[in-house]
Amino acid sequence: MSRVVDFVVIFDDGVRKRHFHETDKGRVVRFVVQLEVKIESQWKPVIRYDCAHGFSHADRYDISGNKTKARLDLKFENALTFADWDINRNWEKYKTKFLGDG
């Protein structure tokens, strides 16, 4: 039986984290954890951790929408934990870099 967890955390005005993961028999089978910044009424991804291609990775975006992918070489459970920790700890730094202020 699978279980889905899906929520949003508001860090600041115009800055949020979207968290989604699905487990089956206690194992993570899908996940996405994404930091987003609101620009001109649209939410733009800043960094996204997921397993969309069958492996855990991080996509980092610039303000134009260009992305770079970095493989994590972590099991989905560990990548999910790391993604939450990293975004919770570093969201301000990621936001500043994304907006070109740092």
PDB file of N, CA and C in Angstrom:
ATOM      1  N   MET A   1       0.848  -1.191   0.000  1.00  0.00           N
ATOM      2  CA  MET A   1       0.000   0.000   0.000  1.00  0.00           C
ATOM      3  C   MET A   1       0.884   1.242   0.000  1.00  0.00           C
ATOM      4  N   SER A   2       0.638   2.130  -0.942  1.00  0.00           N
ATOM      5  CA  SER A   2       1.473   3.338  -1.017  1.00  0.00           C
ATOM      6  C   SER A   2       0.866   4.465  -0.185  1.00  0.00           C
ATOM      7  N   ARG A   3       1.737   5.360   0.213  1.00  0.00           N
ATOM      8  CA  ARG A   3       1.350   6.508   1.032  1.00  0.00           C
ATOM      9  C   ARG A   3       1.986   7.747   0.416  1.00  0.00           C
ATOM     10  N   VAL A   4       1.217   8.830   0.290  1.00  0.00           N
ATOM     11  CA  VAL A   4       1.707  10.071  -0.293  1.00  0.00           C
ATOM     12  C   VAL A   4       1.737  11.157   0.773  1.00  0.00           C
ATOM     13  N   VAL A   5       2.847  11.897   0.811  1.00  0.00           N
ATOM     14  CA  VAL A   5       3.000  13.064   1.675  1.00  0.00           C
ATOM     15  C   VAL A   5       3.262  14.244   0.736  1.00  0.00           C
ATOM     16  N   ASP A   6       2.467  15.297   0.887  1.00  0.00           N
ATOM     17  CA  ASP A   6       2.557  16.444  -0.022  1.00  0.00           C
ATOM     18  C   ASP A   6       2.231  17.708   0.772  1.00  0.00           C
ATOM     19  N   PHE A   7       3.208  18.629   0.869  1.00  0.00           N
ATOM     20  CA  PHE A   7       2.957  19.857   1.617  1.00  0.00           C
ATOM     21  C   PHE A   7       3.845  20.984   1.109  1.00  0.00           C
ATOM     22  N   VAL A   8       3.514  22.203   1.549  1.00  0.00           N
ATOM     23  CA  VAL A   8       4.262  23.404   1.191  1.00  0.00           C
ATOM     24  C   VAL A   8       4.689  24.091   2.481  1.00  0.00           C
ATOM     25  N   VAL A   9       5.938  24.571   2.507  1.00  0.00           N
ATOM     26  CA  VAL A   9       6.451  25.353   3.630  1.00  0.00           C
ATOM     27  C   VAL A   9       6.752  26.753   3.111  1.00  0.00           C
ATOM     28  N   ILE A  10       6.198  27.763   3.760  1.00  0.00           N
ATOM     29  CA  ILE A  10       6.463  29.159   3.402  1.00  0.00           C
ATOM     30  C   ILE A  10       7.646  29.639   4.244  1.00  0.00           C
ATOM     31  N   PHE A  11       8.735  30.035   3.580  1.00  0.00           N
ATOM     32  CA  PHE A  11       9.912  30.536   4.290  1.00  0.00           C
ATOM     33  C   PHE A  11       9.863  32.046   4.466  1.00  0.00           C
ATOM     34  N   ASP A  12       9.336  32.739   3.469  1.00  0.00           N
ATOM     35  CA  ASP A  12       9.320  34.200   3.459  1.00  0.00           C
ATOM     36  C   ASP A  12       8.298  34.616   2.417  1.00  0.00           C
ATOM     37  N   ASP A  13       7.997  35.889   2.361  1.00  0.00           N
ATOM     38  CA  ASP A  13       7.098  36.384   1.324  1.00  0.00           C
ATOM     39  C   ASP A  13       7.723  36.083  -0.042  1.00  0.00           C
ATOM     40  N   GLY A  14       7.042  35.269  -0.831  1.00  0.00           N
ATOM     41  CA  GLY A  14       7.547  34.936  -2.152  1.00  0.00           C
ATOM     42  C   GLY A  14       8.612  33.854  -2.189  1.00  0.00           C
ATOM     43  N   VAL A  15       8.756  33.095  -1.113  1.00  0.00           N
ATOM     44  CA  VAL A  15       9.730  31.991  -1.077  1.00  0.00           C
ATOM     45  C   VAL A  15       9.072  30.792  -0.386  1.00  0.00           C
ATOM     46  N   ARG A  16       9.090  29.653  -1.080  1.00  0.00           N
ATOM     47  CA  ARG A  16       8.461  28.464  -0.509  1.00  0.00           C
ATOM     48  C   ARG A  16       9.206  27.196  -0.901  1.00  0.00           C
ATOM     49  N   LYS A  17       8.947  26.160  -0.125  1.00  0.00           N
ATOM     50  CA  LYS A  17       9.447  24.815  -0.434  1.00  0.00           C
ATOM     51  C   LYS A  17       8.235  23.933  -0.676  1.00  0.00           C
ATOM     52  N   ARG A  18       8.261  23.209  -1.786  1.00  0.00           N
ATOM     53  CA  ARG A  18       7.242  22.198  -2.055  1.00  0.00           C
ATOM     54  C   ARG A  18       7.877  20.830  -1.811  1.00  0.00           C
ATOM     55  N   HIS A  19       7.195  20.016  -1.020  1.00  0.00           N
ATOM     56  CA  HIS A  19       7.691  18.682  -0.661  1.00  0.00           C
ATOM     57  C   HIS A  19       6.646  17.651  -1.064  1.00  0.00           C
ATOM     58  N   PHE A  20       7.089  16.648  -1.812  1.00  0.00           N
ATOM     59  CA  PHE A  20       6.232  15.532  -2.184  1.00  0.00           C
ATOM     60  C   PHE A  20       7.060  14.258  -2.100  1.00  0.00           C
ATOM     61  N   HIS A  21       6.491  13.246  -1.484  1.00  0.00           N
ATOM     62  CA  HIS A  21       7.104  11.925  -1.602  1.00  0.00           C
ATOM     63  C   HIS A  21       6.038  10.845  -1.458  1.00  0.00           C
ATOM     64  N   GLU A  22       6.340   9.723  -2.093  1.00  0.00           N
ATOM     65  CA  GLU A  22       5.455   8.567  -2.040  1.00  0.00           C
ATOM     66  C   GLU A  22       6.262   7.371  -1.558  1.00  0.00           C
ATOM     67  N   THR A  23       5.681   6.636  -0.620  1.00  0.00           N
ATOM     68  CA  THR A  23       6.326   5.425  -0.128  1.00  0.00           C
ATOM     69  C   THR A  23       5.454   4.218  -0.459  1.00  0.00           C
ATOM     70  N   ASP A  24       6.107   3.083  -0.626  1.00  0.00           N
ATOM     71  CA  ASP A  24       5.425   1.817  -0.829  1.00  0.00           C
ATOM     72  C   ASP A  24       6.106   0.812   0.082  1.00  0.00           C
ATOM     73  N   LYS A  25       5.338   0.255   1.004  1.00  0.00           N
ATOM     74  CA  LYS A  25       5.880  -0.686   1.998  1.00  0.00           C
ATOM     75  C   LYS A  25       7.063  -0.084   2.753  1.00  0.00           C
ATOM     76  N   GLY A  26       6.961   1.212   3.056  1.00  0.00           N
ATOM     77  CA  GLY A  26       7.975   1.897   3.850  1.00  0.00           C
ATOM     78  C   GLY A  26       9.173   2.413   3.075  1.00  0.00           C
ATOM     79  N   ARG A  27       9.229   2.169   1.775  1.00  0.00           N
ATOM     80  CA  ARG A  27      10.362   2.634   0.959  1.00  0.00           C
ATOM     81  C   ARG A  27       9.919   3.785   0.065  1.00  0.00           C
ATOM     82  N   VAL A  28      10.763   4.780  -0.050  1.00  0.00           N
ATOM     83  CA  VAL A  28      10.467   5.925  -0.924  1.00  0.00           C
ATOM     84  C   VAL A  28      10.581   5.458  -2.373  1.00  0.00           C
ATOM     85  N   VAL A  29       9.501   5.664  -3.135  1.00  0.00           N
ATOM     86  CA  VAL A  29       9.503   5.274  -4.551  1.00  0.00           C
ATOM     87  C   VAL A  29       9.515   6.486  -5.484  1.00  0.00           C
ATOM     88  N   ARG A  30       9.061   7.633  -4.983  1.00  0.00           N
ATOM     89  CA  ARG A  30       9.102   8.884  -5.756  1.00  0.00           C
ATOM     90  C   ARG A  30       9.236  10.040  -4.781  1.00  0.00           C
ATOM     91  N   PHE A  31       9.964  11.091  -5.216  1.00  0.00           N
ATOM     92  CA  PHE A  31      10.032  12.290  -4.388  1.00  0.00           C
ATOM     93  C   PHE A  31      10.416  13.501  -5.228  1.00  0.00           C
ATOM     94  N   VAL A  32       9.968  14.647  -4.754  1.00  0.00           N
ATOM     95  CA  VAL A  32      10.380  15.948  -5.293  1.00  0.00           C
ATOM     96  C   VAL A  32      10.392  16.920  -4.119  1.00  0.00           C
ATOM     97  N   VAL A  33      11.515  17.595  -3.931  1.00  0.00           N
ATOM     98  CA  VAL A  33      11.606  18.674  -2.947  1.00  0.00           C
ATOM     99  C   VAL A  33      12.187  19.862  -3.700  1.00  0.00           C
ATOM    100  N   GLN A  34      11.435  20.959  -3.731  1.00  0.00           N
ATOM    101  CA  GLN A  34      11.806  22.079  -4.595  1.00  0.00           C
ATOM    102  C   GLN A  34      11.660  23.415  -3.877  1.00  0.00           C
ATOM    103  N   LEU A  35      12.691  24.231  -3.986  1.00  0.00           N
ATOM    104  CA  LEU A  35      12.637  25.611  -3.508  1.00  0.00           C
ATOM    105  C   LEU A  35      12.167  26.478  -4.662  1.00  0.00           C
ATOM    106  N   GLU A  36      11.209  27.362  -4.388  1.00  0.00           N
ATOM    107  CA  GLU A  36      10.652  28.232  -5.419  1.00  0.00           C
ATOM    108  C   GLU A  36      10.622  29.678  -4.937  1.00  0.00           C
ATOM    109  N   VAL A  37      10.832  30.584  -5.887  1.00  0.00           N
ATOM    110  CA  VAL A  37      10.758  32.018  -5.622  1.00  0.00           C
ATOM    111  C   VAL A  37       9.706  32.605  -6.558  1.00  0.00           C
ATOM    112  N   LYS A  38       8.889  33.487  -6.023  1.00  0.00           N
ATOM    113  CA  LYS A  38       7.833  34.119  -6.819  1.00  0.00           C
ATOM    114  C   LYS A  38       8.393  35.367  -7.503  1.00  0.00           C
ATOM    115  N   ILE A  39       8.279  35.375  -8.836  1.00  0.00           N
ATOM    116  CA  ILE A  39       8.742  36.505  -9.639  1.00  0.00           C
ATOM    117  C   ILE A  39       7.608  36.906 -10.568  1.00  0.00           C
ATOM    118  N   GLU A  40       7.163  38.150 -10.405  1.00  0.00           N
ATOM    119  CA  GLU A  40       6.064  38.675 -11.234  1.00  0.00           C
ATOM    120  C   GLU A  40       4.879  37.708 -11.248  1.00  0.00           C
ATOM    121  N   SER A  41       4.439  37.301 -10.098  1.00  0.00           N
ATOM    122  CA  SER A  41       3.277  36.439  -9.850  1.00  0.00           C
ATOM    123  C   SER A  41       3.427  34.999 -10.354  1.00  0.00           C
ATOM    124  N   GLN A  42       4.634  34.590 -10.727  1.00  0.00           N
ATOM    125  CA  GLN A  42       4.872  33.201 -11.120  1.00  0.00           C
ATOM    126  C   GLN A  42       5.922  32.567 -10.216  1.00  0.00           C
ATOM    127  N   TRP A  43       5.667  31.325  -9.805  1.00  0.00           N
ATOM    128  CA  TRP A  43       6.621  30.583  -8.991  1.00  0.00           C
ATOM    129  C   TRP A  43       7.671  29.964  -9.895  1.00  0.00           C
ATOM    130  N   LYS A  44       8.940  30.264  -9.621  1.00  0.00           N
ATOM    131  CA  LYS A  44      10.060  29.758 -10.416  1.00  0.00           C
ATOM    132  C   LYS A  44      10.898  28.812  -9.557  1.00  0.00           C
ATOM    133  N   PRO A  45      11.296  27.665 -10.122  1.00  0.00           N
ATOM    134  CA  PRO A  45      12.156  26.754  -9.357  1.00  0.00           C
ATOM    135  C   PRO A  45      13.567  27.330  -9.217  1.00  0.00           C
ATOM    136  N   VAL A  46      14.137  27.149  -8.046  1.00  0.00           N
ATOM    137  CA  VAL A  46      15.506  27.584  -7.748  1.00  0.00           C
ATOM    138  C   VAL A  46      16.414  26.352  -7.684  1.00  0.00           C
ATOM    139  N   ILE A  47      15.997  25.376  -6.878  1.00  0.00           N
ATOM    140  CA  ILE A  47      16.686  24.088  -6.808  1.00  0.00           C
ATOM    141  C   ILE A  47      15.625  23.016  -6.593  1.00  0.00           C
ATOM    142  N   ARG A  48      15.800  21.907  -7.300  1.00  0.00           N
ATOM    143  CA  ARG A  48      14.850  20.803  -7.170  1.00  0.00           C
ATOM    144  C   ARG A  48      15.623  19.494  -7.014  1.00  0.00           C
ATOM    145  N   TYR A  49      15.259  18.765  -5.984  1.00  0.00           N
ATOM    146  CA  TYR A  49      15.771  17.411  -5.774  1.00  0.00           C
ATOM    147  C   TYR A  49      14.664  16.442  -6.178  1.00  0.00           C
ATOM    148  N   ASP A  50      15.010  15.433  -6.980  1.00  0.00           N
ATOM    149  CA  ASP A  50      14.006  14.448  -7.347  1.00  0.00           C
ATOM    150  C   ASP A  50      14.656  13.170  -7.851  1.00  0.00           C
ATOM    151  N   CYS A  51      13.806  12.264  -8.334  1.00  0.00           N
ATOM    152  CA  CYS A  51      14.269  10.973  -8.855  1.00  0.00           C
ATOM    153  C   CYS A  51      13.594  10.681 -10.189  1.00  0.00           C
ATOM    154  N   ALA A  52      13.287  11.720 -10.948  1.00  0.00           N
ATOM    155  CA  ALA A  52      12.500  11.601 -12.177  1.00  0.00           C
ATOM    156  C   ALA A  52      13.137  10.697 -13.226  1.00  0.00           C
ATOM    157  N   HIS A  53      14.418  10.536 -13.230  1.00  0.00           N
ATOM    158  CA  HIS A  53      15.094   9.741 -14.261  1.00  0.00           C
ATOM    159  C   HIS A  53      15.570   8.388 -13.719  1.00  0.00           C
ATOM    160  N   GLY A  54      15.004   7.999 -12.573  1.00  0.00           N
ATOM    161  CA  GLY A  54      15.369   6.720 -11.995  1.00  0.00           C
ATOM    162  C   GLY A  54      16.558   6.780 -11.051  1.00  0.00           C
ATOM    163  N   PHE A  55      17.096   7.986 -10.845  1.00  0.00           N
ATOM    164  CA  PHE A  55      18.200   8.154  -9.897  1.00  0.00           C
ATOM    165  C   PHE A  55      18.026   9.496  -9.188  1.00  0.00           C
ATOM    166  N   SER A  56      18.566   9.588  -7.983  1.00  0.00           N
ATOM    167  CA  SER A  56      18.434  10.825  -7.214  1.00  0.00           C
ATOM    168  C   SER A  56      19.402  11.875  -7.767  1.00  0.00           C
ATOM    169  N   HIS A  57      18.897  13.092  -7.899  1.00  0.00           N
ATOM    170  CA  HIS A  57      19.714  14.178  -8.432  1.00  0.00           C
ATOM    171  C   HIS A  57      19.146  15.522  -8.005  1.00  0.00           C
ATOM    172  N   ALA A  58      19.939  16.563  -8.238  1.00  0.00           N
ATOM    173  CA  ALA A  58      19.515  17.934  -7.968  1.00  0.00           C
ATOM    174  C   ALA A  58      19.619  18.731  -9.254  1.00  0.00           C
ATOM    175  N   ASP A  59      18.593  19.511  -9.539  1.00  0.00           N
ATOM    176  CA  ASP A  59      18.603  20.455 -10.655  1.00  0.00           C
ATOM    177  C   ASP A  59      18.664  21.849 -10.062  1.00  0.00           C
ATOM    178  N   ARG A  60      19.667  22.612 -10.475  1.00  0.00           N
ATOM    179  CA  ARG A  60      19.794  24.007 -10.028  1.00  0.00           C
ATOM    180  C   ARG A  60      19.462  24.909 -11.202  1.00  0.00           C
ATOM    181  N   TYR A  61      18.651  25.914 -10.940  1.00  0.00           N
ATOM    182  CA  TYR A  61      18.169  26.802 -11.991  1.00  0.00           C
ATOM    183  C   TYR A  61      18.728  28.200 -11.823  1.00  0.00           C
ATOM    184  N   ASP A  62      18.880  28.899 -12.963  1.00  0.00           N
ATOM    185  CA  ASP A  62      19.143  30.329 -12.888  1.00  0.00           C
ATOM    186  C   ASP A  62      17.828  31.045 -13.178  1.00  0.00           C
ATOM    187  N   ILE A  63      17.836  32.346 -13.065  1.00  0.00           N
ATOM    188  CA  ILE A  63      16.600  33.115 -13.184  1.00  0.00           C
ATOM    189  C   ILE A  63      15.985  33.020 -14.583  1.00  0.00           C
ATOM    190  N   SER A  64      16.784  32.660 -15.595  1.00  0.00           N
ATOM    191  CA  SER A  64      16.278  32.498 -16.964  1.00  0.00           C
ATOM    192  C   SER A  64      15.663  31.118 -17.203  1.00  0.00           C
ATOM    193  N   GLY A  65      15.792  30.216 -16.223  1.00  0.00           N
ATOM    194  CA  GLY A  65      15.224  28.880 -16.364  1.00  0.00           C
ATOM    195  C   GLY A  65      16.215  27.828 -16.820  1.00  0.00           C
ATOM    196  N   ASN A  66      17.469  28.217 -17.052  1.00  0.00           N
ATOM    197  CA  ASN A  66      18.497  27.244 -17.412  1.00  0.00           C
ATOM    198  C   ASN A  66      18.813  26.391 -16.194  1.00  0.00           C
ATOM    199  N   LYS A  67      19.086  25.096 -16.423  1.00  0.00           N
ATOM    200  CA  LYS A  67      19.354  24.227 -15.273  1.00  0.00           C
ATOM    201  C   LYS A  67      20.620  23.417 -15.478  1.00  0.00           C
ATOM    202  N   THR A  68      21.214  23.067 -14.342  1.00  0.00           N
ATOM    203  CA  THR A  68      22.331  22.132 -14.314  1.00  0.00           C
ATOM    204  C   THR A  68      21.937  20.977 -13.402  1.00  0.00           C
ATOM    205  N   LYS A  69      22.268  19.771 -13.815  1.00  0.00           N
ATOM    206  CA  LYS A  69      21.896  18.567 -13.072  1.00  0.00           C
ATOM    207  C   LYS A  69      23.130  17.988 -12.390  1.00  0.00           C
ATOM    208  N   ALA A  70      22.957  17.583 -11.146  1.00  0.00           N
ATOM    209  CA  ALA A  70      24.035  16.933 -10.396  1.00  0.00           C
ATOM    210  C   ALA A  70      23.498  15.637  -9.799  1.00  0.00           C
ATOM    211  N   ARG A  71      24.123  14.537 -10.168  1.00  0.00           N
ATOM    212  CA  ARG A  71      23.735  13.227  -9.628  1.00  0.00           C
ATOM    213  C   ARG A  71      24.131  13.157  -8.151  1.00  0.00           C
ATOM    214  N   LEU A  72      23.257  12.579  -7.331  1.00  0.00           N
ATOM    215  CA  LEU A  72      23.524  12.510  -5.895  1.00  0.00           C
ATOM    216  C   LEU A  72      24.120  11.182  -5.452  1.00  0.00           C
ATOM    217  N   ASP A  73      23.910  10.110  -6.180  1.00  0.00           N
ATOM    218  CA  ASP A  73      24.392   8.789  -5.781  1.00  0.00           C
ATOM    219  C   ASP A  73      23.949   8.429  -4.361  1.00  0.00           C
ATOM    220  N   LEU A  74      22.692   8.735  -4.060  1.00  0.00           N
ATOM    221  CA  LEU A  74      22.091   8.396  -2.770  1.00  0.00           C
ATOM    222  C   LEU A  74      20.825   7.588  -3.009  1.00  0.00           C
ATOM    223  N   LYS A  75      20.519   6.688  -2.087  1.00  0.00           N
ATOM    224  CA  LYS A  75      19.221   6.015  -2.123  1.00  0.00           C
ATOM    225  C   LYS A  75      18.144   7.078  -1.987  1.00  0.00           C
ATOM    226  N   PHE A  76      16.961   6.785  -2.517  1.00  0.00           N
ATOM    227  CA  PHE A  76      15.884   7.776  -2.504  1.00  0.00           C
ATOM    228  C   PHE A  76      15.584   8.278  -1.096  1.00  0.00           C
ATOM    229  N   GLU A  77      15.578   7.390  -0.104  1.00  0.00           N
ATOM    230  CA  GLU A  77      15.289   7.807   1.275  1.00  0.00           C
ATOM    231  C   GLU A  77      16.317   8.821   1.762  1.00  0.00           C
ATOM    232  N   ASN A  78      17.583   8.555   1.507  1.00  0.00           N
ATOM    233  CA  ASN A  78      18.645   9.467   1.945  1.00  0.00           C
ATOM    234  C   ASN A  78      18.633  10.765   1.155  1.00  0.00           C
ATOM    235  N   ALA A  79      18.351  10.687  -0.124  1.00  0.00           N
ATOM    236  CA  ALA A  79      18.272  11.905  -0.946  1.00  0.00           C
ATOM    237  C   ALA A  79      17.121  12.795  -0.482  1.00  0.00           C
ATOM    238  N   LEU A  80      16.003  12.203  -0.139  1.00  0.00           N
ATOM    239  CA  LEU A  80      14.848  12.960   0.359  1.00  0.00           C
ATOM    240  C   LEU A  80      15.199  13.671   1.662  1.00  0.00           C
ATOM    241  N   THR A  81      15.824  12.963   2.568  1.00  0.00           N
ATOM    242  CA  THR A  81      16.238  13.564   3.848  1.00  0.00           C
ATOM    243  C   THR A  81      17.227  14.700   3.611  1.00  0.00           C
ATOM    244  N   PHE A  82      18.209  14.463   2.741  1.00  0.00           N
ATOM    245  CA  PHE A  82      19.201  15.491   2.440  1.00  0.00           C
ATOM    246  C   PHE A  82      18.547  16.713   1.793  1.00  0.00           C
ATOM    247  N   ALA A  83      17.643  16.490   0.860  1.00  0.00           N
ATOM    248  CA  ALA A  83      16.977  17.590   0.163  1.00  0.00           C
ATOM    249  C   ALA A  83      16.254  18.506   1.145  1.00  0.00           C
ATOM    250  N   ASP A  84      15.480  17.915   2.047  1.00  0.00           N
ATOM    251  CA  ASP A  84      14.775  18.727   3.048  1.00  0.00           C
ATOM    252  C   ASP A  84      15.746  19.500   3.925  1.00  0.00           C
ATOM    253  N   TRP A  85      16.777  18.814   4.406  1.00  0.00           N
ATOM    254  CA  TRP A  85      17.768  19.458   5.264  1.00  0.00           C
ATOM    255  C   TRP A  85      18.455  20.611   4.529  1.00  0.00           C
ATOM    256  N   ASP A  86      18.909  20.359   3.302  1.00  0.00           N
ATOM    257  CA  ASP A  86      19.649  21.364   2.547  1.00  0.00           C
ATOM    258  C   ASP A  86      18.808  22.597   2.270  1.00  0.00           C
ATOM    259  N   ILE A  87      17.594  22.412   1.805  1.00  0.00           N
ATOM    260  CA  ILE A  87      16.742  23.571   1.499  1.00  0.00           C
ATOM    261  C   ILE A  87      16.360  24.313   2.777  1.00  0.00           C
ATOM    262  N   ASN A  88      16.034  23.587   3.836  1.00  0.00           N
ATOM    263  CA  ASN A  88      15.696  24.250   5.104  1.00  0.00           C
ATOM    264  C   ASN A  88      16.855  25.092   5.620  1.00  0.00           C
ATOM    265  N   ARG A  89      18.066  24.600   5.455  1.00  0.00           N
ATOM    266  CA  ARG A  89      19.247  25.283   5.973  1.00  0.00           C
ATOM    267  C   ARG A  89      19.735  26.407   5.056  1.00  0.00           C
ATOM    268  N   ASN A  90      19.628  26.229   3.749  1.00  0.00           N
ATOM    269  CA  ASN A  90      20.297  27.124   2.797  1.00  0.00           C
ATOM    270  C   ASN A  90      19.366  27.926   1.883  1.00  0.00           C
ATOM    271  N   TRP A  91      18.070  27.957   2.181  1.00  0.00           N
ATOM    272  CA  TRP A  91      17.142  28.609   1.261  1.00  0.00           C
ATOM    273  C   TRP A  91      17.496  30.071   1.009  1.00  0.00           C
ATOM    274  N   GLU A  92      17.937  30.782   2.037  1.00  0.00           N
ATOM    275  CA  GLU A  92      18.258  32.205   1.845  1.00  0.00           C
ATOM    276  C   GLU A  92      19.433  32.381   0.887  1.00  0.00           C
ATOM    277  N   LYS A  93      20.447  31.551   1.032  1.00  0.00           N
ATOM    278  CA  LYS A  93      21.608  31.602   0.150  1.00  0.00           C
ATOM    279  C   LYS A  93      21.199  31.272  -1.295  1.00  0.00           C
ATOM    280  N   TYR A  94      20.387  30.230  -1.467  1.00  0.00           N
ATOM    281  CA  TYR A  94      19.929  29.859  -2.805  1.00  0.00           C
ATOM    282  C   TYR A  94      19.095  30.972  -3.441  1.00  0.00           C
ATOM    283  N   LYS A  95      18.230  31.580  -2.644  1.00  0.00           N
ATOM    284  CA  LYS A  95      17.393  32.673  -3.145  1.00  0.00           C
ATOM    285  C   LYS A  95      18.257  33.846  -3.599  1.00  0.00           C
ATOM    286  N   THR A  96      19.220  34.243  -2.770  1.00  0.00           N
ATOM    287  CA  THR A  96      20.102  35.372  -3.094  1.00  0.00           C
ATOM    288  C   THR A  96      20.880  35.124  -4.384  1.00  0.00           C
ATOM    289  N   LYS A  97      21.436  33.936  -4.508  1.00  0.00           N
ATOM    290  CA  LYS A  97      22.197  33.595  -5.720  1.00  0.00           C
ATOM    291  C   LYS A  97      21.279  33.584  -6.942  1.00  0.00           C
ATOM    292  N   PHE A  98      20.090  33.014  -6.798  1.00  0.00           N
ATOM    293  CA  PHE A  98      19.129  32.935  -7.890  1.00  0.00           C
ATOM    294  C   PHE A  98      18.735  34.322  -8.389  1.00  0.00           C
ATOM    295  N   LEU A  99      18.525  35.240  -7.468  1.00  0.00           N
ATOM    296  CA  LEU A  99      18.108  36.592  -7.828  1.00  0.00           C
ATOM    297  C   LEU A  99      19.287  37.463  -8.305  1.00  0.00           C
ATOM    298  N   GLY A 100      20.498  36.912  -8.220  1.00  0.00           N
ATOM    299  CA  GLY A 100      21.668  37.636  -8.693  1.00  0.00           C
ATOM    300  C   GLY A 100      22.201  38.670  -7.729  1.00  0.00           C
ATOM    301  N   ASP A 101      21.844  38.508  -6.458  1.00  0.00           N
ATOM    302  CA  ASP A 101      22.270  39.475  -5.440  1.00  0.00           C
ATOM    303  C   ASP A 101      23.510  39.013  -4.692  1.00  0.00           C
ATOM    304  N   GLY A 102      24.130  37.906  -5.122  1.00  0.00           N
ATOM    305  CA  GLY A 102      25.245  37.429  -4.317  1.00  0.00           C
ATOM    306  C   GLY A 102      26.223  36.598  -5.054  1.00  0.00           C
TER     307      GLY A 102
END
